[in-house]
PDB file of N, CA and C in Angstrom:
ATOM      1  N   MET A   1      25.961 -15.549  24.514  1.00  0.00           N
ATOM      2  CA  MET A   1      27.122 -15.280  23.688  1.00  0.00           C
ATOM      3  C   MET A   1      27.319 -16.490  22.777  1.00  0.00           C
ATOM      4  N   ILE A   2      27.262 -16.256  21.484  1.00  0.00           N
ATOM      5  CA  ILE A   2      27.429 -17.333  20.511  1.00  0.00           C
ATOM      6  C   ILE A   2      28.548 -16.936  19.559  1.00  0.00           C
ATOM      7  N   GLY A   3      29.564 -17.784  19.467  1.00  0.00           N
ATOM      8  CA  GLY A   3      30.686 -17.528  18.563  1.00  0.00           C
ATOM      9  C   GLY A   3      31.414 -16.229  18.862  1.00  0.00           C
ATOM     10  N   GLY A   4      31.451 -15.822  20.129  1.00  0.00           N
ATOM     11  CA  GLY A   4      32.157 -14.604  20.498  1.00  0.00           C
ATOM     12  C   GLY A   4      31.332 -13.342  20.325  1.00  0.00           C
ATOM     13  N   ALA A   5      30.159 -13.450  19.724  1.00  0.00           N
ATOM     14  CA  ALA A   5      29.294 -12.281  19.534  1.00  0.00           C
ATOM     15  C   ALA A   5      28.095 -12.366  20.470  1.00  0.00           C
ATOM     16  N   GLU A   6      27.715 -11.222  21.029  1.00  0.00           N
ATOM     17  CA  GLU A   6      26.570 -11.184  21.933  1.00  0.00           C
ATOM     18  C   GLU A   6      25.277 -11.296  21.110  1.00  0.00           C
ATOM     19  N   GLU A   7      24.353 -12.132  21.570  1.00  0.00           N
ATOM     20  CA  GLU A   7      23.079 -12.307  20.869  1.00  0.00           C
ATOM     21  C   GLU A   7      21.940 -12.212  21.854  1.00  0.00           C
ATOM     22  N   TRP A   8      20.780 -11.740  21.350  1.00  0.00           N
ATOM     23  CA  TRP A   8      19.573 -11.641  22.157  1.00  0.00           C
ATOM     24  C   TRP A   8      18.579 -12.663  21.665  1.00  0.00           C
ATOM     25  N   GLU A   9      17.712 -13.109  22.568  1.00  0.00           N
ATOM     26  CA  GLU A   9      16.749 -14.152  22.231  1.00  0.00           C
ATOM     27  C   GLU A   9      15.511 -13.531  21.571  1.00  0.00           C
ATOM     28  N   VAL A  10      15.074 -14.161  20.495  1.00  0.00           N
ATOM     29  CA  VAL A  10      13.881 -13.717  19.777  1.00  0.00           C
ATOM     30  C   VAL A  10      12.657 -14.248  20.519  1.00  0.00           C
ATOM     31  N   GLU A  11      11.722 -13.345  20.871  1.00  0.00           N
ATOM     32  CA  GLU A  11      10.481 -13.766  21.515  1.00  0.00           C
ATOM     33  C   GLU A  11       9.450 -14.159  20.453  1.00  0.00           C
ATOM     34  N   GLU A  12       9.292 -13.288  19.445  1.00  0.00           N
ATOM     35  CA  GLU A  12       8.367 -13.599  18.359  1.00  0.00           C
ATOM     36  C   GLU A  12       8.671 -12.715  17.168  1.00  0.00           C
ATOM     37  N   ILE A  13       8.154 -13.133  16.022  1.00  0.00           N
ATOM     38  CA  ILE A  13       8.219 -12.327  14.813  1.00  0.00           C
ATOM     39  C   ILE A  13       6.858 -11.671  14.663  1.00  0.00           C
ATOM     40  N   VAL A  14       6.856 -10.359  14.464  1.00  0.00           N
ATOM     41  CA  VAL A  14       5.622  -9.588  14.442  1.00  0.00           C
ATOM     42  C   VAL A  14       5.122  -9.363  13.024  1.00  0.00           C
ATOM     43  N   LYS A  15       6.039  -9.071  12.087  1.00  0.00           N
ATOM     44  CA  LYS A  15       5.692  -8.784  10.693  1.00  0.00           C
ATOM     45  C   LYS A  15       6.822  -9.241   9.797  1.00  0.00           C
ATOM     46  N   GLU A  16       6.531  -9.221   8.497  1.00  0.00           N
ATOM     47  CA  GLU A  16       7.595  -9.460   7.527  1.00  0.00           C
ATOM     48  C   GLU A  16       7.409  -8.509   6.367  1.00  0.00           C
ATOM     49  N   GLN A  17       8.493  -8.209   5.690  1.00  0.00           N
ATOM     50  CA  GLN A  17       8.427  -7.360   4.498  1.00  0.00           C
ATOM     51  C   GLN A  17       9.452  -7.862   3.492  1.00  0.00           C
ATOM     52  N   LYS A  18       9.132  -7.674   2.231  1.00  0.00           N
ATOM     53  CA  LYS A  18      10.035  -8.088   1.171  1.00  0.00           C
ATOM     54  C   LYS A  18      10.975  -6.938   0.858  1.00  0.00           C
ATOM     55  N   VAL A  19      12.260  -7.238   0.833  1.00  0.00           N
ATOM     56  CA  VAL A  19      13.280  -6.244   0.517  1.00  0.00           C
ATOM     57  C   VAL A  19      14.159  -6.836  -0.565  1.00  0.00           C
ATOM     58  N   GLY A  20      14.054  -6.288  -1.764  1.00  0.00           N
ATOM     59  CA  GLY A  20      14.813  -6.834  -2.882  1.00  0.00           C
ATOM     60  C   GLY A  20      14.381  -8.270  -3.149  1.00  0.00           C
ATOM     61  N   GLN A  21      15.334  -9.195  -3.150  1.00  0.00           N
ATOM     62  CA  GLN A  21      15.038 -10.609  -3.378  1.00  0.00           C
ATOM     63  C   GLN A  21      14.762 -11.366  -2.089  1.00  0.00           C
ATOM     64  N   GLY A  22      15.030 -10.750  -0.948  1.00  0.00           N
ATOM     65  CA  GLY A  22      14.869 -11.435   0.333  1.00  0.00           C
ATOM     66  C   GLY A  22      13.746 -10.857   1.174  1.00  0.00           C
ATOM     67  N   LYS A  23      13.698 -11.291   2.409  1.00  0.00           N
ATOM     68  CA  LYS A  23      12.690 -10.830   3.347  1.00  0.00           C
ATOM     69  C   LYS A  23      13.371 -10.320   4.607  1.00  0.00           C
ATOM     70  N   GLN A  24      12.692  -9.376   5.274  1.00  0.00           N
ATOM     71  CA  GLN A  24      13.102  -8.926   6.594  1.00  0.00           C
ATOM     72  C   GLN A  24      11.941  -9.189   7.534  1.00  0.00           C
ATOM     73  N   TYR A  25      12.282  -9.419   8.785  1.00  0.00           N
ATOM     74  CA  TYR A  25      11.274  -9.738   9.799  1.00  0.00           C
ATOM     75  C   TYR A  25      11.363  -8.720  10.921  1.00  0.00           C
ATOM     76  N   LEU A  26      10.190  -8.258  11.377  1.00  0.00           N
ATOM     77  CA  LEU A  26      10.141  -7.367  12.532  1.00  0.00           C
ATOM     78  C   LEU A  26      10.171  -8.255  13.765  1.00  0.00           C
ATOM     79  N   VAL A  27      11.235  -8.151  14.531  1.00  0.00           N
ATOM     80  CA  VAL A  27      11.503  -9.059  15.642  1.00  0.00           C
ATOM     81  C   VAL A  27      11.192  -8.385  16.976  1.00  0.00           C
ATOM     82  N   LYS A  28      10.432  -9.093  17.810  1.00  0.00           N
ATOM     83  CA  LYS A  28      10.197  -8.701  19.211  1.00  0.00           C
ATOM     84  C   LYS A  28      11.212  -9.477  20.025  1.00  0.00           C
ATOM     85  N   TRP A  29      12.091  -8.743  20.705  1.00  0.00           N
ATOM     86  CA  TRP A  29      13.156  -9.372  21.477  1.00  0.00           C
ATOM     87  C   TRP A  29      12.660  -9.694  22.876  1.00  0.00           C
ATOM     88  N   LYS A  30      13.070 -10.853  23.383  1.00  0.00           N
ATOM     89  CA  LYS A  30      12.672 -11.290  24.724  1.00  0.00           C
ATOM     90  C   LYS A  30      13.213 -10.315  25.771  1.00  0.00           C
ATOM     91  N   GLU A  31      12.323  -9.955  26.718  1.00  0.00           N
ATOM     92  CA  GLU A  31      12.635  -9.044  27.817  1.00  0.00           C
ATOM     93  C   GLU A  31      12.885  -7.603  27.367  1.00  0.00           C
ATOM     94  N   TRP A  32      12.479  -7.254  26.131  1.00  0.00           N
ATOM     95  CA  TRP A  32      12.592  -5.882  25.632  1.00  0.00           C
ATOM     96  C   TRP A  32      11.194  -5.404  25.261  1.00  0.00           C
ATOM     97  N   LEU A  33      10.955  -4.106  25.341  1.00  0.00           N
ATOM     98  CA  LEU A  33       9.669  -3.515  24.968  1.00  0.00           C
ATOM     99  C   LEU A  33       9.466  -3.580  23.460  1.00  0.00           C
ATOM    100  N   HIS A  34       8.195  -3.482  23.031  1.00  0.00           N
ATOM    101  CA  HIS A  34       7.899  -3.472  21.587  1.00  0.00           C
ATOM    102  C   HIS A  34       8.544  -2.271  20.893  1.00  0.00           C
ATOM    103  N   SER A  35       8.781  -1.201  21.622  1.00  0.00           N
ATOM    104  CA  SER A  35       9.425  -0.030  21.022  1.00  0.00           C
ATOM    105  C   SER A  35      10.869  -0.337  20.588  1.00  0.00           C
ATOM    106  N   LYS A  36      11.419  -1.432  21.080  1.00  0.00           N
ATOM    107  CA  LYS A  36      12.786  -1.833  20.720  1.00  0.00           C
ATOM    108  C   LYS A  36      12.814  -2.900  19.617  1.00  0.00           C
ATOM    109  N   ASN A  37      11.638  -3.226  19.027  1.00  0.00           N
ATOM    110  CA  ASN A  37      11.599  -4.183  17.924  1.00  0.00           C
ATOM    111  C   ASN A  37      12.459  -3.670  16.774  1.00  0.00           C
ATOM    112  N   THR A  38      13.082  -4.599  16.050  1.00  0.00           N
ATOM    113  CA  THR A  38      13.936  -4.211  14.918  1.00  0.00           C
ATOM    114  C   THR A  38      13.642  -5.080  13.715  1.00  0.00           C
ATOM    115  N   TRP A  39      13.887  -4.516  12.519  1.00  0.00           N
ATOM    116  CA  TRP A  39      13.778  -5.285  11.280  1.00  0.00           C
ATOM    117  C   TRP A  39      15.100  -6.008  11.069  1.00  0.00           C
ATOM    118  N   GLU A  40      15.008  -7.319  10.896  1.00  0.00           N
ATOM    119  CA  GLU A  40      16.210  -8.136  10.728  1.00  0.00           C
ATOM    120  C   GLU A  40      16.087  -8.989   9.468  1.00  0.00           C
ATOM    121  N   PRO A  41      17.168  -9.095   8.685  1.00  0.00           N
ATOM    122  CA  PRO A  41      17.135 -10.005   7.543  1.00  0.00           C
ATOM    123  C   PRO A  41      17.133 -11.453   8.035  1.00  0.00           C
ATOM    124  N   SER A  42      16.670 -12.361   7.183  1.00  0.00           N
ATOM    125  CA  SER A  42      16.535 -13.762   7.603  1.00  0.00           C
ATOM    126  C   SER A  42      17.866 -14.379   8.018  1.00  0.00           C
ATOM    127  N   HIS A  43      18.974 -13.943   7.427  1.00  0.00           N
ATOM    128  CA  HIS A  43      20.265 -14.543   7.802  1.00  0.00           C
ATOM    129  C   HIS A  43      20.715 -14.130   9.204  1.00  0.00           C
ATOM    130  N   HIS A  44      20.070 -13.140   9.813  1.00  0.00           N
ATOM    131  CA  HIS A  44      20.371 -12.797  11.205  1.00  0.00           C
ATOM    132  C   HIS A  44      19.622 -13.696  12.192  1.00  0.00           C
ATOM    133  N   LEU A  45      18.677 -14.482  11.675  1.00  0.00           N
ATOM    134  CA  LEU A  45      17.837 -15.298  12.554  1.00  0.00           C
ATOM    135  C   LEU A  45      18.207 -16.779  12.498  1.00  0.00           C
ATOM    136  N   ILE A  46      19.478 -17.085  12.254  1.00  0.00           N
ATOM    137  CA  ILE A  46      19.879 -18.485  12.111  1.00  0.00           C
ATOM    138  C   ILE A  46      19.722 -19.271  13.405  1.00  0.00           C
ATOM    139  N   HIS A  47      19.776 -18.608  14.556  1.00  0.00           N
ATOM    140  CA  HIS A  47      19.609 -19.295  15.837  1.00  0.00           C
ATOM    141  C   HIS A  47      18.173 -19.221  16.356  1.00  0.00           C
ATOM    142  N   ALA A  48      17.271 -18.707  15.515  1.00  0.00           N
ATOM    143  CA  ALA A  48      15.858 -18.598  15.903  1.00  0.00           C
ATOM    144  C   ALA A  48      14.991 -19.363  14.909  1.00  0.00           C
ATOM    145  N   LYS A  49      15.446 -20.536  14.517  1.00  0.00           N
ATOM    146  CA  LYS A  49      14.728 -21.321  13.508  1.00  0.00           C
ATOM    147  C   LYS A  49      13.339 -21.724  13.976  1.00  0.00           C
ATOM    148  N   ARG A  50      13.211 -22.043  15.264  1.00  0.00           N
ATOM    149  CA  ARG A  50      11.908 -22.461  15.798  1.00  0.00           C
ATOM    150  C   ARG A  50      10.888 -21.321  15.661  1.00  0.00           C
ATOM    151  N   VAL A  51      11.281 -20.107  16.018  1.00  0.00           N
ATOM    152  CA  VAL A  51      10.388 -18.954  15.944  1.00  0.00           C
ATOM    153  C   VAL A  51      10.075 -18.619  14.483  1.00  0.00           C
ATOM    154  N   LEU A  52      11.075 -18.711  13.622  1.00  0.00           N
ATOM    155  CA  LEU A  52      10.885 -18.429  12.199  1.00  0.00           C
ATOM    156  C   LEU A  52       9.930 -19.437  11.565  1.00  0.00           C
ATOM    157  N   LYS A  53      10.076 -20.710  11.902  1.00  0.00           N
ATOM    158  CA  LYS A  53       9.166 -21.743  11.371  1.00  0.00           C
ATOM    159  C   LYS A  53       7.749 -21.534  11.889  1.00  0.00           C
ATOM    160  N   ALA A  54       7.611 -21.139  13.152  1.00  0.00           N
ATOM    161  CA  ALA A  54       6.282 -20.862  13.717  1.00  0.00           C
ATOM    162  C   ALA A  54       5.634 -19.701  12.966  1.00  0.00           C
ATOM    163  N   TRP A  55       6.409 -18.678  12.633  1.00  0.00           N
ATOM    164  CA  TRP A  55       5.888 -17.537  11.881  1.00  0.00           C
ATOM    165  C   TRP A  55       5.430 -17.978  10.494  1.00  0.00           C
ATOM    166  N   GLN A  56       6.234 -18.788   9.823  1.00  0.00           N
ATOM    167  CA  GLN A  56       5.884 -19.255   8.479  1.00  0.00           C
ATOM    168  C   GLN A  56       4.630 -20.124   8.507  1.00  0.00           C
ATOM    169  N   ARG A  57       4.479 -20.955   9.540  1.00  0.00           N
ATOM    170  CA  ARG A  57       3.251 -21.760   9.690  1.00  0.00           C
ATOM    171  C   ARG A  57       2.044 -20.861   9.897  1.00  0.00           C
ATOM    172  N   LYS A  58       2.218 -19.858  10.736  1.00  0.00           N
ATOM    173  CA  LYS A  58       1.128 -18.934  11.030  1.00  0.00           C
ATOM    174  C   LYS A  58       0.699 -18.187   9.765  1.00  0.00           C
ATOM    175  N   GLN A  59       1.661 -17.800   8.943  1.00  0.00           N
ATOM    176  CA  GLN A  59       1.339 -17.061   7.715  1.00  0.00           C
ATOM    177  C   GLN A  59       0.678 -17.943   6.656  1.00  0.00           C
ATOM    178  N   SER A  60       0.953 -19.238   6.688  1.00  0.00           N
ATOM    179  CA  SER A  60       0.339 -20.132   5.710  1.00  0.00           C
ATOM    180  C   SER A  60      -1.056 -20.574   6.132  1.00  0.00           C
ATOM    181  N   ASP A  61      -1.422 -20.346   7.382  1.00  0.00           N
ATOM    182  CA  ASP A  61      -2.747 -20.693   7.885  1.00  0.00           C
ATOM    183  C   ASP A  61      -3.769 -19.754   7.253  1.00  0.00           C
ATOM    184  N   PRO A  62      -4.795 -20.284   6.563  1.00  0.00           N
ATOM    185  CA  PRO A  62      -5.753 -19.417   5.877  1.00  0.00           C
ATOM    186  C   PRO A  62      -6.538 -18.506   6.815  1.00  0.00           C
ATOM    187  N   ASP A  63      -6.667 -18.855   8.090  1.00  0.00           N
ATOM    188  CA  ASP A  63      -7.416 -18.015   9.023  1.00  0.00           C
ATOM    189  C   ASP A  63      -6.640 -16.775   9.441  1.00  0.00           C
ATOM    190  N   THR A  64      -5.319 -16.763   9.275  1.00  0.00           N
ATOM    191  CA  THR A  64      -4.521 -15.621   9.731  1.00  0.00           C
ATOM    192  C   THR A  64      -4.043 -14.746   8.581  1.00  0.00           C
ATOM    193  N   ARG A  65      -4.325 -15.125   7.339  1.00  0.00           N
ATOM    194  CA  ARG A  65      -3.887 -14.302   6.219  1.00  0.00           C
ATOM    195  C   ARG A  65      -4.678 -13.001   6.170  1.00  0.00           C
ATOM    196  N   ILE A  66      -4.060 -11.980   5.637  1.00  0.00           N
ATOM    197  CA  ILE A  66      -4.705 -10.675   5.531  1.00  0.00           C
ATOM    198  C   ILE A  66      -5.564 -10.654   4.273  1.00  0.00           C
ATOM    199  N   CYS A  67      -6.776 -10.158   4.419  1.00  0.00           N
ATOM    200  CA  CYS A  67      -7.685 -10.024   3.294  1.00  0.00           C
ATOM    201  C   CYS A  67      -7.556  -8.601   2.756  1.00  0.00           C
ATOM    202  N   LEU A  68      -7.157  -8.455   1.514  1.00  0.00           N
ATOM    203  CA  LEU A  68      -6.977  -7.142   0.923  1.00  0.00           C
ATOM    204  C   LEU A  68      -8.225  -6.738   0.147  1.00  0.00           C
ATOM    205  N   LEU A  69      -8.582  -5.471   0.244  1.00  0.00           N
ATOM    206  CA  LEU A  69      -9.706  -4.950  -0.518  1.00  0.00           C
ATOM    207  C   LEU A  69      -9.270  -4.733  -1.960  1.00  0.00           C
ATOM    208  N   PRO A  70     -10.190  -4.798  -2.897  1.00  0.00           N
ATOM    209  CA  PRO A  70      -9.816  -4.574  -4.287  1.00  0.00           C
ATOM    210  C   PRO A  70      -9.363  -3.135  -4.499  1.00  0.00           C
ATOM    211  N   THR A  71      -8.412  -2.943  -5.410  1.00  0.00           N
ATOM    212  CA  THR A  71      -7.958  -1.611  -5.760  1.00  0.00           C
ATOM    213  C   THR A  71      -8.926  -1.056  -6.782  1.00  0.00           C
ATOM    214  N   LEU A  72      -9.474   0.105  -6.496  1.00  0.00           N
ATOM    215  CA  LEU A  72     -10.473   0.703  -7.363  1.00  0.00           C
ATOM    216  C   LEU A  72      -9.894   1.899  -8.093  1.00  0.00           C
ATOM    217  N   LYS A  73     -10.346   2.098  -9.327  1.00  0.00           N
ATOM    218  CA  LYS A  73      -9.929   3.267 -10.088  1.00  0.00           C
ATOM    219  C   LYS A  73     -10.635   4.493  -9.533  1.00  0.00           C
ATOM    220  N   ALA A  74     -10.074   5.655  -9.801  1.00  0.00           N
ATOM    221  CA  ALA A  74     -10.697   6.903  -9.347  1.00  0.00           C
ATOM    222  C   ALA A  74     -12.111   6.987  -9.905  1.00  0.00           C
ATOM    223  N   GLY A  75     -13.045   7.398  -9.063  1.00  0.00           N
ATOM    224  CA  GLY A  75     -14.428   7.520  -9.498  1.00  0.00           C
ATOM    225  C   GLY A  75     -15.261   6.294  -9.189  1.00  0.00           C
ATOM    226  N   HIS A  76     -14.650   5.239  -8.697  1.00  0.00           N
ATOM    227  CA  HIS A  76     -15.379   4.019  -8.372  1.00  0.00           C
ATOM    228  C   HIS A  76     -15.506   3.808  -6.868  1.00  0.00           C
ATOM    229  N   TRP A  77     -15.342   4.857  -6.095  1.00  0.00           N
ATOM    230  CA  TRP A  77     -15.422   4.748  -4.640  1.00  0.00           C
ATOM    231  C   TRP A  77     -16.806   4.351  -4.181  1.00  0.00           C
ATOM    232  N   ASP A  78     -17.841   4.645  -4.998  1.00  0.00           N
ATOM    233  CA  ASP A  78     -19.202   4.311  -4.594  1.00  0.00           C
ATOM    234  C   ASP A  78     -19.412   2.801  -4.485  1.00  0.00           C
ATOM    235  N   TYR A  79     -18.541   2.023  -5.124  1.00  0.00           N
ATOM    236  CA  TYR A  79     -18.622   0.566  -4.997  1.00  0.00           C
ATOM    237  C   TYR A  79     -18.505   0.153  -3.531  1.00  0.00           C
ATOM    238  N   LEU A  80     -17.592   0.818  -2.809  1.00  0.00           N
ATOM    239  CA  LEU A  80     -17.400   0.472  -1.402  1.00  0.00           C
ATOM    240  C   LEU A  80     -18.640   0.781  -0.577  1.00  0.00           C
ATOM    241  N   ILE A  81     -19.321   1.869  -0.899  1.00  0.00           N
ATOM    242  CA  ILE A  81     -20.522   2.236  -0.157  1.00  0.00           C
ATOM    243  C   ILE A  81     -21.598   1.177  -0.351  1.00  0.00           C
ATOM    244  N   HIS A  82     -21.781   0.735  -1.591  1.00  0.00           N
ATOM    245  CA  HIS A  82     -22.819  -0.258  -1.865  1.00  0.00           C
ATOM    246  C   HIS A  82     -22.413  -1.647  -1.385  1.00  0.00           C
ATOM    247  N   CYS A  83     -21.132  -1.921  -1.427  1.00  0.00           N
ATOM    248  CA  CYS A  83     -20.637  -3.249  -1.048  1.00  0.00           C
ATOM    249  C   CYS A  83     -20.696  -3.458   0.464  1.00  0.00           C
ATOM    250  N   TYR A  84     -20.433  -2.410   1.221  1.00  0.00           N
ATOM    251  CA  TYR A  84     -20.343  -2.547   2.673  1.00  0.00           C
ATOM    252  C   TYR A  84     -21.426  -1.750   3.389  1.00  0.00           C
ATOM    253  N   LYS A  85     -22.647  -1.843   2.922  1.00  0.00           N
ATOM    254  CA  LYS A  85     -23.762  -1.157   3.581  1.00  0.00           C
ATOM    255  C   LYS A  85     -24.003  -1.766   4.952  1.00  0.00           C
ATOM    256  N   PRO A  86     -24.364  -0.941   5.929  1.00  0.00           N
ATOM    257  CA  PRO A  86     -24.686  -1.511   7.241  1.00  0.00           C
ATOM    258  C   PRO A  86     -25.943  -2.357   7.166  1.00  0.00           C
ATOM    259  N   LYS A  87     -26.037  -3.355   8.004  1.00  0.00           N
ATOM    260  CA  LYS A  87     -27.182  -4.254   7.992  1.00  0.00           C
ATOM    261  C   LYS A  87     -28.436  -3.573   8.520  1.00  0.00           C
ATOM    262  N   ASP A  88     -28.272  -2.696   9.496  1.00  0.00           N
ATOM    263  CA  ASP A  88     -29.407  -1.957  10.042  1.00  0.00           C
ATOM    264  C   ASP A  88     -29.395  -0.549   9.473  1.00  0.00           C
ATOM    265  N   LYS A  89     -30.573  -0.074   9.064  1.00  0.00           N
ATOM    266  CA  LYS A  89     -30.628   1.280   8.519  1.00  0.00           C
ATOM    267  C   LYS A  89     -30.421   2.318   9.619  1.00  0.00           C
ATOM    268  N   HIS A  90     -30.986   2.073  10.781  1.00  0.00           N
ATOM    269  CA  HIS A  90     -30.846   2.999  11.896  1.00  0.00           C
ATOM    270  C   HIS A  90     -30.226   2.258  13.071  1.00  0.00           C
ATOM    271  N   LEU A  91     -29.108   2.765  13.503  1.00  0.00           N
ATOM    272  CA  LEU A  91     -28.447   2.133  14.643  1.00  0.00           C
ATOM    273  C   LEU A  91     -29.139   2.574  15.930  1.00  0.00           C
ATOM    274  N   PRO A  92     -29.273   1.686  16.892  1.00  0.00           N
ATOM    275  CA  PRO A  92     -29.995   2.010  18.130  1.00  0.00           C
ATOM    276  C   PRO A  92     -29.152   2.843  19.095  1.00  0.00           C
ATOM    277  N   TYR A  93     -29.041   4.146  18.823  1.00  0.00           N
ATOM    278  CA  TYR A  93     -28.289   5.020  19.716  1.00  0.00           C
ATOM    279  C   TYR A  93     -29.162   5.370  20.925  1.00  0.00           C
ATOM    280  N   PRO A  94     -28.583   5.450  22.103  1.00  0.00           N
ATOM    281  CA  PRO A  94     -29.385   5.827  23.272  1.00  0.00           C
ATOM    282  C   PRO A  94     -29.781   7.302  23.171  1.00  0.00           C
ATOM    283  N   GLN A  95     -30.929   7.618  23.705  1.00  0.00           N
ATOM    284  CA  GLN A  95     -31.391   9.001  23.690  1.00  0.00           C
ATOM    285  C   GLN A  95     -30.612   9.792  24.734  1.00  0.00           C
ATOM    286  N   GLN A  96     -30.174  10.984  24.350  1.00  0.00           N
ATOM    287  CA  GLN A  96     -29.434  11.813  25.293  1.00  0.00           C
ATOM    288  C   GLN A  96     -30.402  12.452  26.266  1.00  0.00           C
ATOM    289  N   GLN A  97     -29.976  12.547  27.517  1.00  0.00           N
ATOM    290  CA  GLN A  97     -30.823  13.121  28.553  1.00  0.00           C
ATOM    291  C   GLN A  97     -30.015  14.110  29.392  1.00  0.00           C
ATOM    292  N   LEU A  98     -30.719  15.095  29.901  1.00  0.00           N
ATOM    293  CA  LEU A  98     -30.120  16.106  30.748  1.00  0.00           C
ATOM    294  C   LEU A  98     -30.714  15.966  32.145  1.00  0.00           C
ATOM    295  N   PHE A  99     -29.863  15.894  33.148  1.00  0.00           N
ATOM    296  CA  PHE A  99     -30.347  15.726  34.518  1.00  0.00           C
ATOM    297  C   PHE A  99     -30.606  17.096  35.152  1.00  0.00           C
ATOM    298  N   ASP A 100     -31.802  17.261  35.719  1.00  0.00           N
ATOM    299  CA  ASP A 100     -32.175  18.482  36.433  1.00  0.00           C
ATOM    300  C   ASP A 100     -32.107  18.182  37.928  1.00  0.00           C
ATOM    301  N   PRO A 101     -31.065  18.672  38.624  1.00  0.00           N
ATOM    302  CA  PRO A 101     -30.907  18.334  40.051  1.00  0.00           C
ATOM    303  C   PRO A 101     -31.993  18.943  40.940  1.00  0.00           C
ATOM    304  N   TYR A 102     -32.638  20.033  40.496  1.00  0.00           N
ATOM    305  CA  TYR A 102     -33.681  20.657  41.327  1.00  0.00           C
ATOM    306  C   TYR A 102     -34.954  19.819  41.333  1.00  0.00           C
ATOM    307  N   LYS A 103     -35.266  19.203  40.166  1.00  0.00           N
ATOM    308  CA  LYS A 103     -36.471  18.369  40.068  1.00  0.00           C
ATOM    309  C   LYS A 103     -36.146  16.896  40.263  1.00  0.00           C
ATOM    310  N   ASN A 104     -34.853  16.565  40.241  1.00  0.00           N
ATOM    311  CA  ASN A 104     -34.385  15.195  40.395  1.00  0.00           C
ATOM    312  C   ASN A 104     -34.942  14.275  39.297  1.00  0.00           C
ATOM    313  N   VAL A 105     -34.934  14.783  38.037  1.00  0.00           N
ATOM    314  CA  VAL A 105     -35.436  14.006  36.894  1.00  0.00           C
ATOM    315  C   VAL A 105     -34.494  14.194  35.710  1.00  0.00           C
ATOM    316  N   PHE A 106     -34.585  13.248  34.767  1.00  0.00           N
ATOM    317  CA  PHE A 106     -33.871  13.349  33.508  1.00  0.00           C
ATOM    318  C   PHE A 106     -34.845  13.844  32.439  1.00  0.00           C
ATOM    319  N   THR A 107     -34.421  14.824  31.656  1.00  0.00           N
ATOM    320  CA  THR A 107     -35.236  15.357  30.572  1.00  0.00           C
ATOM    321  C   THR A 107     -34.579  14.985  29.253  1.00  0.00           C
ATOM    322  N   PRO A 108     -35.340  14.387  28.318  1.00  0.00           N
ATOM    323  CA  PRO A 108     -34.750  14.039  27.017  1.00  0.00           C
ATOM    324  C   PRO A 108     -34.310  15.292  26.258  1.00  0.00           C
ATOM    325  N   ILE A 109     -33.188  15.175  25.570  1.00  0.00           N
ATOM    326  CA  ILE A 109     -32.661  16.281  24.770  1.00  0.00           C
ATOM    327  C   ILE A 109     -32.893  15.920  23.309  1.00  0.00           C
ATOM    328  N   GLY A 110     -33.549  16.801  22.579  1.00  0.00           N
ATOM    329  CA  GLY A 110     -33.801  16.583  21.160  1.00  0.00           C
ATOM    330  C   GLY A 110     -32.709  17.207  20.316  1.00  0.00           C
ATOM    331  N   PRO A 111     -32.843  17.092  18.991  1.00  0.00           N
ATOM    332  CA  PRO A 111     -31.846  17.712  18.108  1.00  0.00           C
ATOM    333  C   PRO A 111     -31.914  19.234  18.217  1.00  0.00           C
ATOM    334  N   VAL A 112     -30.803  19.885  17.980  1.00  0.00           N
ATOM    335  CA  VAL A 112     -30.717  21.339  18.078  1.00  0.00           C
ATOM    336  C   VAL A 112     -31.317  21.946  16.821  1.00  0.00           C
ATOM    337  N   ASP A 113     -32.195  22.939  16.982  1.00  0.00           N
ATOM    338  CA  ASP A 113     -32.755  23.645  15.835  1.00  0.00           C
ATOM    339  C   ASP A 113     -31.692  24.574  15.278  1.00  0.00           C
ATOM    340  N   GLU A 114     -31.499  24.509  13.948  1.00  0.00           N
ATOM    341  CA  GLU A 114     -30.451  25.315  13.327  1.00  0.00           C
ATOM    342  C   GLU A 114     -30.835  26.786  13.253  1.00  0.00           C
ATOM    343  N   HIS A 115     -32.145  27.104  13.320  1.00  0.00           N
ATOM    344  CA  HIS A 115     -32.559  28.491  13.168  1.00  0.00           C
ATOM    345  C   HIS A 115     -32.446  29.280  14.474  1.00  0.00           C
ATOM    346  N   ILE A 116     -32.086  28.626  15.566  1.00  0.00           N
ATOM    347  CA  ILE A 116     -31.941  29.312  16.851  1.00  0.00           C
ATOM    348  C   ILE A 116     -30.567  29.956  16.914  1.00  0.00           C
ATOM    349  N   ASP A 117     -30.556  31.214  17.307  1.00  0.00           N
ATOM    350  CA  ASP A 117     -29.295  31.944  17.468  1.00  0.00           C
ATOM    351  C   ASP A 117     -28.617  31.457  18.739  1.00  0.00           C
ATOM    352  N   PRO A 118     -27.394  30.884  18.656  1.00  0.00           N
ATOM    353  CA  PRO A 118     -26.739  30.350  19.852  1.00  0.00           C
ATOM    354  C   PRO A 118     -26.428  31.426  20.885  1.00  0.00           C
ATOM    355  N   ARG A 119     -26.411  32.719  20.463  1.00  0.00           N
ATOM    356  CA  ARG A 119     -26.118  33.800  21.407  1.00  0.00           C
ATOM    357  C   ARG A 119     -27.371  34.254  22.144  1.00  0.00           C
ATOM    358  N   GLU A 120     -28.524  33.761  21.703  1.00  0.00           N
ATOM    359  CA  GLU A 120     -29.781  34.167  22.328  1.00  0.00           C
ATOM    360  C   GLU A 120     -29.820  33.694  23.774  1.00  0.00           C
ATOM    361  N   GLY A 121     -30.173  34.573  24.647  1.00  0.00           N
ATOM    362  CA  GLY A 121     -30.291  34.219  26.052  1.00  0.00           C
ATOM    363  C   GLY A 121     -29.000  34.384  26.826  1.00  0.00           C
ATOM    364  N   VAL A 122     -27.919  34.751  26.150  1.00  0.00           N
ATOM    365  CA  VAL A 122     -26.649  34.949  26.844  1.00  0.00           C
ATOM    366  C   VAL A 122     -26.606  36.368  27.370  1.00  0.00           C
ATOM    367  N   MET A 123     -26.291  36.507  28.634  1.00  0.00           N
ATOM    368  CA  MET A 123     -26.217  37.843  29.229  1.00  0.00           C
ATOM    369  C   MET A 123     -24.944  38.520  28.779  1.00  0.00           C
ATOM    370  N   SER A 124     -25.047  39.802  28.450  1.00  0.00           N
ATOM    371  CA  SER A 124     -23.853  40.534  28.024  1.00  0.00           C
ATOM    372  C   SER A 124     -23.430  41.536  29.050  1.00  0.00           C
TER     373      SER A 124
END
């Protein structure tokens, strides 16, 4: 209780957003679930200066800043495909196998032939 008003302790600041000329912070309250986090303007955090300063330090650290992708005009989506090509052309996926309990062996399963009727062999 501070100044006659009930207050909760700030555990950490999770995010920030700009609102008009000021900022709001998504606050994780101590001993409360993340589902109870609330957006608070900076003037509500006057008793949480230590946590606010820690957040500002964290945001100024170049290793924690968010890297934004360039905004592309419509029709330039192919830039992303060429820019972020995988290093390996073929990823090493494991071969699928089917276990036969009567023979006690695994049989490799190949790709399904598209020309086979899936209803073939089904008893009616």
